[in-house]
Amino acid sequence: SAIFVPSDDATGFANALNNLIENTRRRQDYGRRARVRALEFSPHRMASEYLAAYRTCIREEFSSAPGKQPLVVEEVAA
């Protein structure tokens, strides 16, 4: 969940903040969703995602260049 306000709209930003201040249920719901979303970005998961992206790049690089041998990339321990 998110509230979008144009970057040059100070009044809209103030109104959005006031709406959250006045609406406890909505504010708590946004906070709960933010905590759940933040759990998706653990250091181990982020490292694994980067490693997968690097492996994809390496495979693509070496599949398009005959005769080259890819580097061996090992799994990062948790």
N, C-alpha and C. Protein backbone atom coordinates (compact mmCIF):
# COMPACT_ATOMS: atom_id res chain seq x y z
N SER A 1 0.83 -1.19 0.00
CA SER A 1 0.00 0.00 0.00
C SER A 1 0.87 1.24 0.00
N ALA A 2 0.38 2.25 -0.63
CA ALA A 2 1.13 3.50 -0.70
C ALA A 2 0.17 4.65 -0.95
N ILE A 3 0.64 5.82 -0.60
CA ILE A 3 -0.09 7.05 -0.92
C ILE A 3 0.82 7.83 -1.86
N PHE A 4 0.32 8.14 -3.01
CA PHE A 4 1.11 8.87 -4.00
C PHE A 4 0.67 10.32 -4.06
N VAL A 5 1.64 11.21 -3.97
CA VAL A 5 1.40 12.65 -4.05
C VAL A 5 2.48 13.22 -4.97
N PRO A 6 2.11 14.06 -5.92
CA PRO A 6 3.13 14.67 -6.77
C PRO A 6 4.18 15.39 -5.93
N SER A 7 5.43 15.32 -6.36
CA SER A 7 6.53 15.88 -5.57
C SER A 7 6.43 17.39 -5.36
N ASP A 8 5.71 18.08 -6.21
CA ASP A 8 5.59 19.53 -6.07
C ASP A 8 4.28 19.96 -5.40
N ASP A 9 3.59 19.01 -4.76
CA ASP A 9 2.29 19.29 -4.16
C ASP A 9 2.38 19.25 -2.63
N ALA A 10 2.86 20.34 -2.03
CA ALA A 10 3.02 20.40 -0.58
C ALA A 10 1.68 20.26 0.14
N THR A 11 0.64 20.86 -0.40
CA THR A 11 -0.68 20.77 0.22
C THR A 11 -1.19 19.34 0.18
N GLY A 12 -1.01 18.68 -0.95
CA GLY A 12 -1.42 17.28 -1.07
C GLY A 12 -0.67 16.38 -0.10
N PHE A 13 0.62 16.64 0.07
CA PHE A 13 1.44 15.88 1.00
C PHE A 13 0.93 16.09 2.43
N ALA A 14 0.66 17.34 2.79
CA ALA A 14 0.14 17.64 4.13
C ALA A 14 -1.20 16.97 4.35
N ASN A 15 -2.06 16.99 3.34
CA ASN A 15 -3.37 16.34 3.45
C ASN A 15 -3.23 14.83 3.64
N ALA A 16 -2.30 14.23 2.90
CA ALA A 16 -2.08 12.79 3.02
C ALA A 16 -1.59 12.43 4.43
N LEU A 17 -0.66 13.23 4.96
CA LEU A 17 -0.17 12.98 6.32
C LEU A 17 -1.27 13.16 7.35
N ASN A 18 -2.06 14.22 7.21
CA ASN A 18 -3.17 14.44 8.13
C ASN A 18 -4.17 13.30 8.08
N ASN A 19 -4.41 12.77 6.88
CA ASN A 19 -5.33 11.65 6.73
C ASN A 19 -4.83 10.44 7.52
N LEU A 20 -3.53 10.17 7.46
CA LEU A 20 -2.97 9.05 8.22
C LEU A 20 -3.00 9.31 9.72
N ILE A 21 -2.74 10.55 10.11
CA ILE A 21 -2.78 10.90 11.54
C ILE A 21 -4.18 10.69 12.09
N GLU A 22 -5.18 11.06 11.33
CA GLU A 22 -6.57 10.99 11.78
C GLU A 22 -7.19 9.60 11.63
N ASN A 23 -6.63 8.75 10.79
CA ASN A 23 -7.21 7.44 10.52
C ASN A 23 -6.31 6.34 11.08
N THR A 24 -6.54 6.01 12.35
CA THR A 24 -5.69 5.04 13.05
C THR A 24 -5.69 3.69 12.35
N ARG A 25 -6.84 3.20 11.94
CA ARG A 25 -6.92 1.88 11.31
C ARG A 25 -6.09 1.84 10.02
N ARG A 26 -6.22 2.87 9.21
CA ARG A 26 -5.47 2.92 7.95
C ARG A 26 -3.97 3.00 8.23
N ARG A 27 -3.58 3.82 9.19
CA ARG A 27 -2.17 3.97 9.55
C ARG A 27 -1.59 2.65 10.03
N GLN A 28 -2.33 1.94 10.88
CA GLN A 28 -1.86 0.65 11.38
C GLN A 28 -1.78 -0.38 10.26
N ASP A 29 -2.74 -0.35 9.35
CA ASP A 29 -2.72 -1.27 8.21
C ASP A 29 -1.49 -1.01 7.33
N TYR A 30 -1.20 0.25 7.05
CA TYR A 30 -0.02 0.58 6.25
C TYR A 30 1.26 0.13 6.97
N GLY A 31 1.32 0.33 8.28
CA GLY A 31 2.48 -0.10 9.05
C GLY A 31 2.66 -1.60 9.01
N ARG A 32 1.57 -2.34 9.16
CA ARG A 32 1.63 -3.81 9.12
C ARG A 32 2.12 -4.28 7.76
N ARG A 33 1.57 -3.71 6.70
CA ARG A 33 1.98 -4.11 5.35
C ARG A 33 3.44 -3.75 5.08
N ALA A 34 3.89 -2.64 5.62
CA ALA A 34 5.29 -2.23 5.43
C ALA A 34 6.23 -3.22 6.12
N ARG A 35 5.86 -3.68 7.32
CA ARG A 35 6.71 -4.66 8.02
C ARG A 35 6.77 -5.98 7.25
N VAL A 36 5.64 -6.43 6.73
CA VAL A 36 5.61 -7.67 5.94
C VAL A 36 6.48 -7.51 4.70
N ARG A 37 6.36 -6.39 4.03
CA ARG A 37 7.16 -6.15 2.82
C ARG A 37 8.65 -6.08 3.15
N ALA A 38 9.00 -5.46 4.26
CA ALA A 38 10.42 -5.33 4.65
C ALA A 38 11.06 -6.69 4.87
N LEU A 39 10.30 -7.68 5.31
CA LEU A 39 10.84 -9.01 5.53
C LEU A 39 11.31 -9.67 4.24
N GLU A 40 10.81 -9.18 3.11
CA GLU A 40 11.21 -9.72 1.82
C GLU A 40 12.64 -9.30 1.44
N PHE A 41 13.22 -8.40 2.19
CA PHE A 41 14.53 -7.85 1.85
C PHE A 41 15.60 -8.21 2.87
N SER A 42 15.60 -9.46 3.33
CA SER A 42 16.63 -9.90 4.27
C SER A 42 17.98 -9.90 3.57
N PRO A 43 19.06 -9.73 4.32
CA PRO A 43 20.39 -9.74 3.69
C PRO A 43 20.65 -11.02 2.90
N HIS A 44 20.26 -12.18 3.44
CA HIS A 44 20.50 -13.44 2.74
C HIS A 44 19.72 -13.50 1.43
N ARG A 45 18.47 -13.09 1.47
CA ARG A 45 17.67 -13.13 0.25
C ARG A 45 18.22 -12.17 -0.80
N MET A 46 18.60 -10.98 -0.37
CA MET A 46 19.15 -10.01 -1.33
C MET A 46 20.45 -10.54 -1.94
N ALA A 47 21.31 -11.16 -1.13
CA ALA A 47 22.56 -11.72 -1.66
C ALA A 47 22.26 -12.83 -2.66
N SER A 48 21.28 -13.66 -2.34
CA SER A 48 20.90 -14.75 -3.26
C SER A 48 20.37 -14.20 -4.57
N GLU A 49 19.57 -13.14 -4.50
CA GLU A 49 19.01 -12.53 -5.71
C GLU A 49 20.12 -11.92 -6.58
N TYR A 50 21.08 -11.25 -5.94
CA TYR A 50 22.21 -10.69 -6.70
C TYR A 50 23.02 -11.80 -7.35
N LEU A 51 23.28 -12.87 -6.59
CA LEU A 51 24.05 -13.98 -7.12
C LEU A 51 23.34 -14.59 -8.33
N ALA A 52 22.03 -14.76 -8.25
CA ALA A 52 21.27 -15.29 -9.38
C ALA A 52 21.38 -14.37 -10.60
N ALA A 53 21.32 -13.07 -10.37
CA ALA A 53 21.44 -12.12 -11.48
C ALA A 53 22.83 -12.19 -12.10
N TYR A 54 23.87 -12.29 -11.26
CA TYR A 54 25.23 -12.40 -11.79
C TYR A 54 25.40 -13.67 -12.60
N ARG A 55 24.84 -14.77 -12.09
CA ARG A 55 24.94 -16.04 -12.83
C ARG A 55 24.27 -15.93 -14.19
N THR A 56 23.12 -15.28 -14.24
CA THR A 56 22.43 -15.10 -15.51
C THR A 56 23.30 -14.30 -16.48
N CYS A 57 23.90 -13.23 -15.98
CA CYS A 57 24.77 -12.41 -16.84
C CYS A 57 25.96 -13.22 -17.34
N ILE A 58 26.56 -14.01 -16.46
CA ILE A 58 27.71 -14.83 -16.86
C ILE A 58 27.30 -15.84 -17.91
N ARG A 59 26.17 -16.52 -17.71
CA ARG A 59 25.70 -17.50 -18.70
C ARG A 59 25.48 -16.84 -20.04
N GLU A 60 24.82 -15.69 -20.04
CA GLU A 60 24.54 -15.00 -21.30
C GLU A 60 25.82 -14.54 -21.98
N GLU A 61 26.77 -14.05 -21.21
CA GLU A 61 28.04 -13.58 -21.76
C GLU A 61 28.80 -14.72 -22.42
N PHE A 62 28.87 -15.86 -21.75
CA PHE A 62 29.67 -16.96 -22.28
C PHE A 62 28.93 -17.79 -23.32
N SER A 63 27.61 -17.75 -23.31
CA SER A 63 26.88 -18.48 -24.35
C SER A 63 26.98 -17.76 -25.69
N SER A 64 27.23 -16.45 -25.66
CA SER A 64 27.35 -15.69 -26.90
C SER A 64 28.79 -15.56 -27.38
N ALA A 65 29.74 -16.10 -26.61
CA ALA A 65 31.16 -16.01 -26.97
C ALA A 65 31.76 -17.41 -27.03
N PRO A 66 31.77 -18.05 -28.21
CA PRO A 66 32.28 -19.41 -28.32
C PRO A 66 33.74 -19.51 -27.86
N GLY A 67 34.04 -20.60 -27.16
CA GLY A 67 35.41 -20.85 -26.73
C GLY A 67 35.75 -20.30 -25.36
N LYS A 68 34.95 -19.38 -24.84
CA LYS A 68 35.22 -18.83 -23.51
C LYS A 68 34.66 -19.77 -22.45
N GLN A 69 35.33 -19.85 -21.33
CA GLN A 69 34.87 -20.66 -20.21
C GLN A 69 34.40 -19.74 -19.09
N PRO A 70 33.19 -19.96 -18.56
CA PRO A 70 32.69 -19.10 -17.49
C PRO A 70 33.44 -19.31 -16.18
N LEU A 71 33.44 -18.28 -15.36
CA LEU A 71 34.00 -18.39 -14.01
C LEU A 71 33.05 -19.23 -13.17
N VAL A 72 33.57 -19.89 -12.16
CA VAL A 72 32.74 -20.66 -11.25
C VAL A 72 32.34 -19.73 -10.11
N VAL A 73 31.05 -19.58 -9.90
CA VAL A 73 30.54 -18.74 -8.82
C VAL A 73 29.88 -19.67 -7.81
N GLU A 74 30.39 -19.64 -6.58
CA GLU A 74 29.87 -20.55 -5.56
C GLU A 74 28.79 -19.88 -4.74
N GLU A 75 27.94 -20.70 -4.17
CA GLU A 75 26.83 -20.24 -3.33
C GLU A 75 27.37 -19.59 -2.07
N VAL A 76 26.74 -18.50 -1.63
CA VAL A 76 27.13 -17.82 -0.41
C VAL A 76 26.45 -18.51 0.76
N ALA A 77 27.21 -18.86 1.79
CA ALA A 77 26.65 -19.53 2.96
C ALA A 77 25.83 -18.56 3.79
N ALA A 78 24.78 -19.06 4.40
CA ALA A 78 23.90 -18.22 5.22
C ALA A 78 24.54 -17.88 6.54
